Every structure is written in structure tokens, then in C-alpha cells.
Amino acid sequence: MIMKEFQYTIKDACGIHARPAGLLVKTVKGFASTATLEKDGKSCDMRKLMALMGMGVKQGETVTIKVEGDDEEAATEAIQKFLSENV
């Protein structure tokens, strides 16, 4: 199985804080695929709000997003769109 992967540099001055993190979790939960956010050698399940916020992603940092599953193409597009519009 091929996994989708992309990198994104956070532009929001507050990084991934509570509001965008909550909306991002909601976006990811709409898909069957699993999505993982990686930063500085750590990773978290993007379906878990506290884990996502616990990553402490700040403005200017680059994260790697990995998406794997039956609808990974659509999930990847939705996550990329969300990030570019919100963080």
C-alpha cells in the first residue's frame, strides 16, 4: 500500500492552537484513513486533539503529514486545503 506524505510550514502566528487543532481533528475524522503528524522525531495521531496540541507546533515550523488508507487521496487533499486556509 502506498502512503501519501507531504510537508507543511505553519504560517499562523499562534501555531496549531486549540481552535485550528479541533477543526483539524474534525476534518481527519471524516475519513477512513489514518493521518499522522510528525515533528522533531515525534509523531501523533491526528484524530486525537490533546496529542495534536501536545506536539506544540509553532509558527515557522515544518511538519510532515502521513496519510494511509482507502481514501488517503481525498483525505490528503482535505488536510492540505485545511492547513493552507487555517494555519
PDB file of N, CA and C in Angstrom:
ATOM      1  N   MET A   1       0.835  -1.196   0.000  1.00  0.00           N
ATOM      2  CA  MET A   1       0.000   0.000   0.000  1.00  0.00           C
ATOM      3  C   MET A   1       0.878   1.257   0.000  1.00  0.00           C
ATOM      4  N   ILE A   2       0.522   2.196  -0.820  1.00  0.00           N
ATOM      5  CA  ILE A   2       1.279   3.441  -0.921  1.00  0.00           C
ATOM      6  C   ILE A   2       0.690   4.464   0.039  1.00  0.00           C
ATOM      7  N   MET A   3       1.576   5.110   0.774  1.00  0.00           N
ATOM      8  CA  MET A   3       1.141   6.120   1.728  1.00  0.00           C
ATOM      9  C   MET A   3       1.384   7.502   1.138  1.00  0.00           C
ATOM     10  N   LYS A   4       0.452   8.416   1.383  1.00  0.00           N
ATOM     11  CA  LYS A   4       0.618   9.801   0.950  1.00  0.00           C
ATOM     12  C   LYS A   4       1.387  10.539   2.035  1.00  0.00           C
ATOM     13  N   GLU A   5       2.282  11.415   1.617  1.00  0.00           N
ATOM     14  CA  GLU A   5       3.077  12.176   2.577  1.00  0.00           C
ATOM     15  C   GLU A   5       3.358  13.559   2.011  1.00  0.00           C
ATOM     16  N   PHE A   6       3.278  14.577   2.859  1.00  0.00           N
ATOM     17  CA  PHE A   6       3.634  15.923   2.438  1.00  0.00           C
ATOM     18  C   PHE A   6       4.130  16.716   3.641  1.00  0.00           C
ATOM     19  N   GLN A   7       4.833  17.798   3.338  1.00  0.00           N
ATOM     20  CA  GLN A   7       5.318  18.673   4.407  1.00  0.00           C
ATOM     21  C   GLN A   7       4.595  20.005   4.314  1.00  0.00           C
ATOM     22  N   TYR A   8       4.423  20.636   5.474  1.00  0.00           N
ATOM     23  CA  TYR A   8       3.743  21.919   5.521  1.00  0.00           C
ATOM     24  C   TYR A   8       4.410  22.788   6.572  1.00  0.00           C
ATOM     25  N   THR A   9       4.660  24.052   6.222  1.00  0.00           N
ATOM     26  CA  THR A   9       5.247  25.003   7.172  1.00  0.00           C
ATOM     27  C   THR A   9       4.117  25.865   7.736  1.00  0.00           C
ATOM     28  N   ILE A  10       4.017  25.891   9.051  1.00  0.00           N
ATOM     29  CA  ILE A  10       2.945  26.603   9.756  1.00  0.00           C
ATOM     30  C   ILE A  10       3.123  28.114   9.597  1.00  0.00           C
ATOM     31  N   LYS A  11       2.042  28.786   9.180  1.00  0.00           N
ATOM     32  CA  LYS A  11       2.097  30.232   8.952  1.00  0.00           C
ATOM     33  C   LYS A  11       1.399  31.032  10.054  1.00  0.00           C
ATOM     34  N   ASP A  12       0.419  30.423  10.739  1.00  0.00           N
ATOM     35  CA  ASP A  12      -0.342  31.115  11.788  1.00  0.00           C
ATOM     36  C   ASP A  12       0.586  31.515  12.937  1.00  0.00           C
ATOM     37  N   ALA A  13       0.453  32.764  13.380  1.00  0.00           N
ATOM     38  CA  ALA A  13       1.305  33.285  14.456  1.00  0.00           C
ATOM     39  C   ALA A  13       1.188  32.468  15.744  1.00  0.00           C
ATOM     40  N   CYS A  14       0.040  31.832  15.953  1.00  0.00           N
ATOM     41  CA  CYS A  14      -0.179  31.041  17.169  1.00  0.00           C
ATOM     42  C   CYS A  14       0.133  29.556  16.970  1.00  0.00           C
ATOM     43  N   GLY A  15       0.563  29.180  15.773  1.00  0.00           N
ATOM     44  CA  GLY A  15       0.849  27.768  15.507  1.00  0.00           C
ATOM     45  C   GLY A  15      -0.442  26.967  15.467  1.00  0.00           C
ATOM     46  N   ILE A  16      -0.341  25.670  15.789  1.00  0.00           N
ATOM     47  CA  ILE A  16      -1.546  24.836  15.846  1.00  0.00           C
ATOM     48  C   ILE A  16      -2.059  24.899  17.277  1.00  0.00           C
ATOM     49  N   HIS A  17      -2.931  25.861  17.540  1.00  0.00           N
ATOM     50  CA  HIS A  17      -3.501  26.026  18.876  1.00  0.00           C
ATOM     51  C   HIS A  17      -4.890  25.390  18.915  1.00  0.00           C
ATOM     52  N   ALA A  18      -5.640  25.593  19.985  1.00  0.00           N
ATOM     53  CA  ALA A  18      -6.895  24.866  20.230  1.00  0.00           C
ATOM     54  C   ALA A  18      -7.911  24.909  19.096  1.00  0.00           C
ATOM     55  N   ARG A  19      -8.236  26.104  18.581  1.00  0.00           N
ATOM     56  CA  ARG A  19      -9.286  26.196  17.572  1.00  0.00           C
ATOM     57  C   ARG A  19      -8.932  25.447  16.282  1.00  0.00           C
ATOM     58  N   PRO A  20      -7.785  25.755  15.658  1.00  0.00           N
ATOM     59  CA  PRO A  20      -7.476  25.013  14.428  1.00  0.00           C
ATOM     60  C   PRO A  20      -7.218  23.530  14.690  1.00  0.00           C
ATOM     61  N   ALA A  21      -6.676  23.196  15.847  1.00  0.00           N
ATOM     62  CA  ALA A  21      -6.429  21.783  16.155  1.00  0.00           C
ATOM     63  C   ALA A  21      -7.752  21.023  16.212  1.00  0.00           C
ATOM     64  N   GLY A  22      -8.755  21.622  16.860  1.00  0.00           N
ATOM     65  CA  GLY A  22     -10.071  20.989  16.948  1.00  0.00           C
ATOM     66  C   GLY A  22     -10.699  20.794  15.588  1.00  0.00           C
ATOM     67  N   LEU A  23     -10.600  21.807  14.741  1.00  0.00           N
ATOM     68  CA  LEU A  23     -11.157  21.717  13.389  1.00  0.00           C
ATOM     69  C   LEU A  23     -10.387  20.714  12.541  1.00  0.00           C
ATOM     70  N   LEU A  24      -9.078  20.632  12.753  1.00  0.00           N
ATOM     71  CA  LEU A  24      -8.255  19.690  12.002  1.00  0.00           C
ATOM     72  C   LEU A  24      -8.621  18.251  12.386  1.00  0.00           C
ATOM     73  N   VAL A  25      -8.808  18.004  13.676  1.00  0.00           N
ATOM     74  CA  VAL A  25      -9.230  16.675  14.143  1.00  0.00           C
ATOM     75  C   VAL A  25     -10.566  16.302  13.498  1.00  0.00           C
ATOM     76  N   LYS A  26     -11.484  17.257  13.462  1.00  0.00           N
ATOM     77  CA  LYS A  26     -12.806  17.030  12.863  1.00  0.00           C
ATOM     78  C   LYS A  26     -12.665  16.675  11.372  1.00  0.00           C
ATOM     79  N   THR A  27     -11.777  17.374  10.673  1.00  0.00           N
ATOM     80  CA  THR A  27     -11.533  17.108   9.258  1.00  0.00           C
ATOM     81  C   THR A  27     -11.011  15.689   9.060  1.00  0.00           C
ATOM     82  N   VAL A  28     -10.006  15.316   9.867  1.00  0.00           N
ATOM     83  CA  VAL A  28      -9.381  13.993   9.738  1.00  0.00           C
ATOM     84  C   VAL A  28     -10.373  12.876  10.067  1.00  0.00           C
ATOM     85  N   LYS A  29     -11.216  13.100  11.070  1.00  0.00           N
ATOM     86  CA  LYS A  29     -12.182  12.072  11.480  1.00  0.00           C
ATOM     87  C   LYS A  29     -13.237  11.798  10.403  1.00  0.00           C
ATOM     88  N   GLY A  30     -13.344  12.682   9.427  1.00  0.00           N
ATOM     89  CA  GLY A  30     -14.293  12.489   8.342  1.00  0.00           C
ATOM     90  C   GLY A  30     -13.837  11.467   7.310  1.00  0.00           C
ATOM     91  N   PHE A  31     -12.652  10.918   7.501  1.00  0.00           N
ATOM     92  CA  PHE A  31     -12.092   9.960   6.545  1.00  0.00           C
ATOM     93  C   PHE A  31     -11.748   8.645   7.234  1.00  0.00           C
ATOM     94  N   ALA A  32     -11.735   7.577   6.457  1.00  0.00           N
ATOM     95  CA  ALA A  32     -11.392   6.259   6.994  1.00  0.00           C
ATOM     96  C   ALA A  32      -9.874   6.120   7.201  1.00  0.00           C
ATOM     97  N   SER A  33      -9.108   6.864   6.427  1.00  0.00           N
ATOM     98  CA  SER A  33      -7.648   6.775   6.502  1.00  0.00           C
ATOM     99  C   SER A  33      -7.114   7.278   7.839  1.00  0.00           C
ATOM    100  N   THR A  34      -5.929   6.783   8.191  1.00  0.00           N
ATOM    101  CA  THR A  34      -5.268   7.285   9.388  1.00  0.00           C
ATOM    102  C   THR A  34      -4.299   8.383   8.964  1.00  0.00           C
ATOM    103  N   ALA A  35      -4.202   9.432   9.769  1.00  0.00           N
ATOM    104  CA  ALA A  35      -3.305  10.548   9.472  1.00  0.00           C
ATOM    105  C   ALA A  35      -2.401  10.770  10.676  1.00  0.00           C
ATOM    106  N   THR A  36      -1.125  10.966  10.397  1.00  0.00           N
ATOM    107  CA  THR A  36      -0.124  11.162  11.440  1.00  0.00           C
ATOM    108  C   THR A  36       0.625  12.454  11.178  1.00  0.00           C
ATOM    109  N   LEU A  37       0.848  13.230  12.222  1.00  0.00           N
ATOM    110  CA  LEU A  37       1.640  14.449  12.123  1.00  0.00           C
ATOM    111  C   LEU A  37       2.976  14.178  12.790  1.00  0.00           C
ATOM    112  N   GLU A  38       4.076  14.512  12.114  1.00  0.00           N
ATOM    113  CA  GLU A  38       5.413  14.302  12.668  1.00  0.00           C
ATOM    114  C   GLU A  38       6.165  15.614  12.741  1.00  0.00           C
ATOM    115  N   LYS A  39       6.892  15.787  13.863  1.00  0.00           N
ATOM    116  CA  LYS A  39       7.726  16.982  14.054  1.00  0.00           C
ATOM    117  C   LYS A  39       8.850  16.621  15.013  1.00  0.00           C
ATOM    118  N   ASP A  40      10.057  16.968  14.649  1.00  0.00           N
ATOM    119  CA  ASP A  40      11.232  16.751  15.507  1.00  0.00           C
ATOM    120  C   ASP A  40      11.338  15.316  16.023  1.00  0.00           C
ATOM    121  N   GLY A  41      11.066  14.345  15.168  1.00  0.00           N
ATOM    122  CA  GLY A  41      11.205  12.947  15.558  1.00  0.00           C
ATOM    123  C   GLY A  41      10.053  12.395  16.370  1.00  0.00           C
ATOM    124  N   LYS A  42       9.052  13.231  16.685  1.00  0.00           N
ATOM    125  CA  LYS A  42       7.868  12.771  17.421  1.00  0.00           C
ATOM    126  C   LYS A  42       6.700  12.719  16.452  1.00  0.00           C
ATOM    127  N   SER A  43       5.729  11.862  16.749  1.00  0.00           N
ATOM    128  CA  SER A  43       4.547  11.816  15.891  1.00  0.00           C
ATOM    129  C   SER A  43       3.294  11.621  16.743  1.00  0.00           C
ATOM    130  N   CYS A  44       2.149  11.997  16.158  1.00  0.00           N
ATOM    131  CA  CYS A  44       0.882  11.814  16.859  1.00  0.00           C
ATOM    132  C   CYS A  44      -0.218  11.493  15.864  1.00  0.00           C
ATOM    133  N   ASP A  45      -1.262  10.838  16.380  1.00  0.00           N
ATOM    134  CA  ASP A  45      -2.458  10.524  15.607  1.00  0.00           C
ATOM    135  C   ASP A  45      -3.257  11.819  15.493  1.00  0.00           C
ATOM    136  N   MET A  46      -3.561  12.226  14.273  1.00  0.00           N
ATOM    137  CA  MET A  46      -4.260  13.496  14.064  1.00  0.00           C
ATOM    138  C   MET A  46      -5.745  13.427  14.411  1.00  0.00           C
ATOM    139  N   ARG A  47      -6.220  12.279  14.887  1.00  0.00           N
ATOM    140  CA  ARG A  47      -7.607  12.159  15.354  1.00  0.00           C
ATOM    141  C   ARG A  47      -7.713  12.499  16.839  1.00  0.00           C
ATOM    142  N   LYS A  48      -6.583  12.668  17.498  1.00  0.00           N
ATOM    143  CA  LYS A  48      -6.567  12.911  18.945  1.00  0.00           C
ATOM    144  C   LYS A  48      -6.169  14.361  19.235  1.00  0.00           C
ATOM    145  N   LEU A  49      -7.133  15.146  19.689  1.00  0.00           N
ATOM    146  CA  LEU A  49      -6.938  16.581  19.926  1.00  0.00           C
ATOM    147  C   LEU A  49      -5.790  16.876  20.885  1.00  0.00           C
ATOM    148  N   MET A  50      -5.781  16.237  22.042  1.00  0.00           N
ATOM    149  CA  MET A  50      -4.751  16.536  23.045  1.00  0.00           C
ATOM    150  C   MET A  50      -3.358  16.141  22.551  1.00  0.00           C
ATOM    151  N   ALA A  51      -3.272  15.051  21.801  1.00  0.00           N
ATOM    152  CA  ALA A  51      -1.988  14.625  21.243  1.00  0.00           C
ATOM    153  C   ALA A  51      -1.491  15.654  20.226  1.00  0.00           C
ATOM    154  N   LEU A  52      -2.418  16.146  19.400  1.00  0.00           N
ATOM    155  CA  LEU A  52      -2.074  17.137  18.373  1.00  0.00           C
ATOM    156  C   LEU A  52      -1.601  18.437  19.011  1.00  0.00           C
ATOM    157  N   MET A  53      -2.340  18.912  20.006  1.00  0.00           N
ATOM    158  CA  MET A  53      -1.940  20.144  20.698  1.00  0.00           C
ATOM    159  C   MET A  53      -0.648  19.940  21.492  1.00  0.00           C
ATOM    160  N   GLY A  54      -0.457  18.725  21.988  1.00  0.00           N
ATOM    161  CA  GLY A  54       0.738  18.401  22.759  1.00  0.00           C
ATOM    162  C   GLY A  54       2.022  18.439  21.948  1.00  0.00           C
ATOM    163  N   MET A  55       1.886  18.427  20.635  1.00  0.00           N
ATOM    164  CA  MET A  55       3.077  18.492  19.773  1.00  0.00           C
ATOM    165  C   MET A  55       3.703  19.886  19.823  1.00  0.00           C
ATOM    166  N   GLY A  56       2.935  20.880  20.239  1.00  0.00           N
ATOM    167  CA  GLY A  56       3.466  22.236  20.390  1.00  0.00           C
ATOM    168  C   GLY A  56       3.994  22.830  19.095  1.00  0.00           C
ATOM    169  N   VAL A  57       3.246  22.665  18.012  1.00  0.00           N
ATOM    170  CA  VAL A  57       3.691  23.167  16.712  1.00  0.00           C
ATOM    171  C   VAL A  57       3.535  24.687  16.662  1.00  0.00           C
ATOM    172  N   LYS A  58       4.652  25.376  16.368  1.00  0.00           N
ATOM    173  CA  LYS A  58       4.672  26.836  16.357  1.00  0.00           C
ATOM    174  C   LYS A  58       4.856  27.382  14.943  1.00  0.00           C
ATOM    175  N   GLN A  59       4.607  28.679  14.808  1.00  0.00           N
ATOM    176  CA  GLN A  59       4.764  29.346  13.511  1.00  0.00           C
ATOM    177  C   GLN A  59       6.181  29.139  12.986  1.00  0.00           C
ATOM    178  N   GLY A  60       6.284  28.872  11.700  1.00  0.00           N
ATOM    179  CA  GLY A  60       7.583  28.708  11.053  1.00  0.00           C
ATOM    180  C   GLY A  60       8.116  27.288  11.085  1.00  0.00           C
ATOM    181  N   GLU A  61       7.515  26.416  11.883  1.00  0.00           N
ATOM    182  CA  GLU A  61       7.970  25.026  11.950  1.00  0.00           C
ATOM    183  C   GLU A  61       7.347  24.225  10.811  1.00  0.00           C
ATOM    184  N   THR A  62       8.106  23.265  10.316  1.00  0.00           N
ATOM    185  CA  THR A  62       7.624  22.411   9.237  1.00  0.00           C
ATOM    186  C   THR A  62       7.269  21.053   9.808  1.00  0.00           C
ATOM    187  N   VAL A  63       6.071  20.594   9.488  1.00  0.00           N
ATOM    188  CA  VAL A  63       5.610  19.288   9.942  1.00  0.00           C
ATOM    189  C   VAL A  63       5.455  18.369   8.734  1.00  0.00           C
ATOM    190  N   THR A  64       5.530  17.069   8.994  1.00  0.00           N
ATOM    191  CA  THR A  64       5.304  16.074   7.953  1.00  0.00           C
ATOM    192  C   THR A  64       3.991  15.386   8.275  1.00  0.00           C
ATOM    193  N   ILE A  65       3.118  15.317   7.287  1.00  0.00           N
ATOM    194  CA  ILE A  65       1.829  14.663   7.437  1.00  0.00           C
ATOM    195  C   ILE A  65       1.853  13.385   6.607  1.00  0.00           C
ATOM    196  N   LYS A  66       1.484  12.268   7.234  1.00  0.00           N
ATOM    197  CA  LYS A  66       1.410  10.990   6.526  1.00  0.00           C
ATOM    198  C   LYS A  66      -0.017  10.488   6.614  1.00  0.00           C
ATOM    199  N   VAL A  67      -0.565  10.109   5.461  1.00  0.00           N
ATOM    200  CA  VAL A  67      -1.943   9.636   5.395  1.00  0.00           C
ATOM    201  C   VAL A  67      -1.948   8.264   4.723  1.00  0.00           C
ATOM    202  N   GLU A  68      -2.641   7.304   5.359  1.00  0.00           N
ATOM    203  CA  GLU A  68      -2.667   5.951   4.817  1.00  0.00           C
ATOM    204  C   GLU A  68      -4.055   5.349   4.989  1.00  0.00           C
ATOM    205  N   GLY A  69      -4.586   4.780   3.918  1.00  0.00           N
ATOM    206  CA  GLY A  69      -5.896   4.131   3.988  1.00  0.00           C
ATOM    207  C   GLY A  69      -6.618   4.167   2.656  1.00  0.00           C
ATOM    208  N   ASP A  70      -7.850   3.687   2.676  1.00  0.00           N
ATOM    209  CA  ASP A  70      -8.643   3.561   1.447  1.00  0.00           C
ATOM    210  C   ASP A  70      -8.934   4.890   0.759  1.00  0.00           C
ATOM    211  N   ASP A  71      -9.109   5.947   1.562  1.00  0.00           N
ATOM    212  CA  ASP A  71      -9.436   7.248   0.971  1.00  0.00           C
ATOM    213  C   ASP A  71      -8.321   8.276   1.207  1.00  0.00           C
ATOM    214  N   GLU A  72      -7.082   7.783   1.187  1.00  0.00           N
ATOM    215  CA  GLU A  72      -5.940   8.659   1.504  1.00  0.00           C
ATOM    216  C   GLU A  72      -5.788   9.833   0.535  1.00  0.00           C
ATOM    217  N   GLU A  73      -6.153   9.631  -0.716  1.00  0.00           N
ATOM    218  CA  GLU A  73      -6.043  10.714  -1.702  1.00  0.00           C
ATOM    219  C   GLU A  73      -6.947  11.886  -1.297  1.00  0.00           C
ATOM    220  N   ALA A  74      -8.217  11.589  -1.034  1.00  0.00           N
ATOM    221  CA  ALA A  74      -9.182  12.622  -0.643  1.00  0.00           C
ATOM    222  C   ALA A  74      -8.814  13.220   0.721  1.00  0.00           C
ATOM    223  N   ALA A  75      -8.387  12.378   1.648  1.00  0.00           N
ATOM    224  CA  ALA A  75      -8.020  12.848   2.986  1.00  0.00           C
ATOM    225  C   ALA A  75      -6.821  13.790   2.902  1.00  0.00           C
ATOM    226  N   THR A  76      -5.834  13.432   2.100  1.00  0.00           N
ATOM    227  CA  THR A  76      -4.645  14.269   1.941  1.00  0.00           C
ATOM    228  C   THR A  76      -5.019  15.635   1.374  1.00  0.00           C
ATOM    229  N   GLU A  77      -5.868  15.636   0.355  1.00  0.00           N
ATOM    230  CA  GLU A  77      -6.312  16.905  -0.244  1.00  0.00           C
ATOM    231  C   GLU A  77      -7.042  17.772   0.774  1.00  0.00           C
ATOM    232  N   ALA A  78      -7.921  17.150   1.560  1.00  0.00           N
ATOM    233  CA  ALA A  78      -8.695  17.894   2.555  1.00  0.00           C
ATOM    234  C   ALA A  78      -7.787  18.485   3.639  1.00  0.00           C
ATOM    235  N   ILE A  79      -6.797  17.709   4.080  1.00  0.00           N
ATOM    236  CA  ILE A  79      -5.870  18.186   5.113  1.00  0.00           C
ATOM    237  C   ILE A  79      -5.011  19.329   4.571  1.00  0.00           C
ATOM    238  N   GLN A  80      -4.507  19.176   3.348  1.00  0.00           N
ATOM    239  CA  GLN A  80      -3.693  20.231   2.740  1.00  0.00           C
ATOM    240  C   GLN A  80      -4.509  21.511   2.592  1.00  0.00           C
ATOM    241  N   LYS A  81      -5.753  21.394   2.150  1.00  0.00           N
ATOM    242  CA  LYS A  81      -6.621  22.542   1.979  1.00  0.00           C
ATOM    243  C   LYS A  81      -6.868  23.215   3.334  1.00  0.00           C
ATOM    244  N   PHE A  82      -7.162  22.413   4.356  1.00  0.00           N
ATOM    245  CA  PHE A  82      -7.415  22.960   5.689  1.00  0.00           C
ATOM    246  C   PHE A  82      -6.188  23.733   6.201  1.00  0.00           C
ATOM    247  N   LEU A  83      -5.018  23.110   6.097  1.00  0.00           N
ATOM    248  CA  LEU A  83      -3.796  23.751   6.599  1.00  0.00           C
ATOM    249  C   LEU A  83      -3.525  25.061   5.880  1.00  0.00           C
ATOM    250  N   SER A  84      -3.659  25.071   4.556  1.00  0.00           N
ATOM    251  CA  SER A  84      -3.351  26.290   3.806  1.00  0.00           C
ATOM    252  C   SER A  84      -4.332  27.423   4.114  1.00  0.00           C
ATOM    253  N   GLU A  85      -5.569  27.073   4.477  1.00  0.00           N
ATOM    254  CA  GLU A  85      -6.576  28.099   4.771  1.00  0.00           C
ATOM    255  C   GLU A  85      -6.600  28.539   6.245  1.00  0.00           C
ATOM    256  N   ASN A  86      -6.098  27.678   7.141  1.00  0.00           N
ATOM    257  CA  ASN A  86      -6.256  27.952   8.577  1.00  0.00           C
ATOM    258  C   ASN A  86      -4.986  28.100   9.397  1.00  0.00           C
ATOM    259  N   VAL A  87      -3.938  27.418   9.037  1.00  0.00           N
ATOM    260  CA  VAL A  87      -2.708  27.517   9.838  1.00  0.00           C
ATOM    261  C   VAL A  87      -1.502  27.695   8.935  1.00  0.00           C
TER     262      VAL A  87
END
